[in-house]
Amino acid sequence: MKNHKNKITRLIICYYKNDRYCFRDIFIHSDQISSFLNH
C-alpha cells in the first residue's frame, strides 16, 4: 500500500431542498481536500 496519495475520500453533504433533506456523496482525492476546504 504505497499509493496513499491516490486515496479517495468520501464526503457526504447534506442540504435542505423542496421540504426534504437531501444527501450527496462526493468522492475526491486526498490531494484535493486542502484546496476543496479552502474555498
Protein backbone atom coordinates (compact mmCIF):
# COMPACT_ATOMS: atom_id res chain seq x y z
CA MET A 1 0.00 0.00 0.00
CA LYS A 2 2.37 2.68 -1.19
CA ASN A 3 -0.25 4.66 -3.05
CA HIS A 4 -1.60 6.75 -0.22
CA LYS A 5 -1.61 9.76 -2.50
CA ASN A 6 -4.38 8.29 -4.59
CA LYS A 7 -6.56 7.72 -1.60
CA ILE A 8 -10.10 8.84 -2.26
CA THR A 9 -12.14 10.49 0.44
CA ARG A 10 -15.89 10.31 0.55
CA LEU A 11 -17.71 13.47 1.54
CA ILE A 12 -21.36 13.32 2.41
CA ILE A 13 -23.10 16.62 2.00
CA CYS A 14 -26.49 17.24 3.49
CA TYR A 15 -28.71 20.04 2.31
CA TYR A 16 -32.33 21.05 2.57
CA LYS A 17 -34.33 21.18 -0.64
CA ASN A 18 -38.01 21.07 -1.52
CA ASP A 19 -39.08 20.44 2.08
CA ARG A 20 -36.82 17.44 2.41
CA TYR A 21 -33.26 16.65 3.31
CA CYS A 22 -31.02 15.57 0.51
CA PHE A 23 -27.73 13.74 0.79
CA ARG A 24 -24.97 13.87 -1.74
CA ASP A 25 -21.89 11.74 -1.93
CA ILE A 26 -18.78 13.38 -3.27
CA PHE A 27 -15.62 11.45 -3.93
CA ILE A 28 -12.40 13.43 -4.04
CA HIS A 29 -8.75 12.61 -3.97
CA SER A 30 -6.83 13.27 -0.79
CA ASP A 31 -4.61 15.83 -2.51
CA GLN A 32 -7.69 17.84 -3.45
CA ILE A 33 -9.09 18.07 0.06
CA SER A 34 -6.98 21.05 1.10
CA SER A 35 -7.96 23.05 -1.96
CA PHE A 36 -11.55 21.97 -1.54
CA LEU A 37 -11.70 23.11 2.07
CA ASN A 38 -10.03 26.43 1.35
CA HIS A 39 -12.89 27.63 -0.81
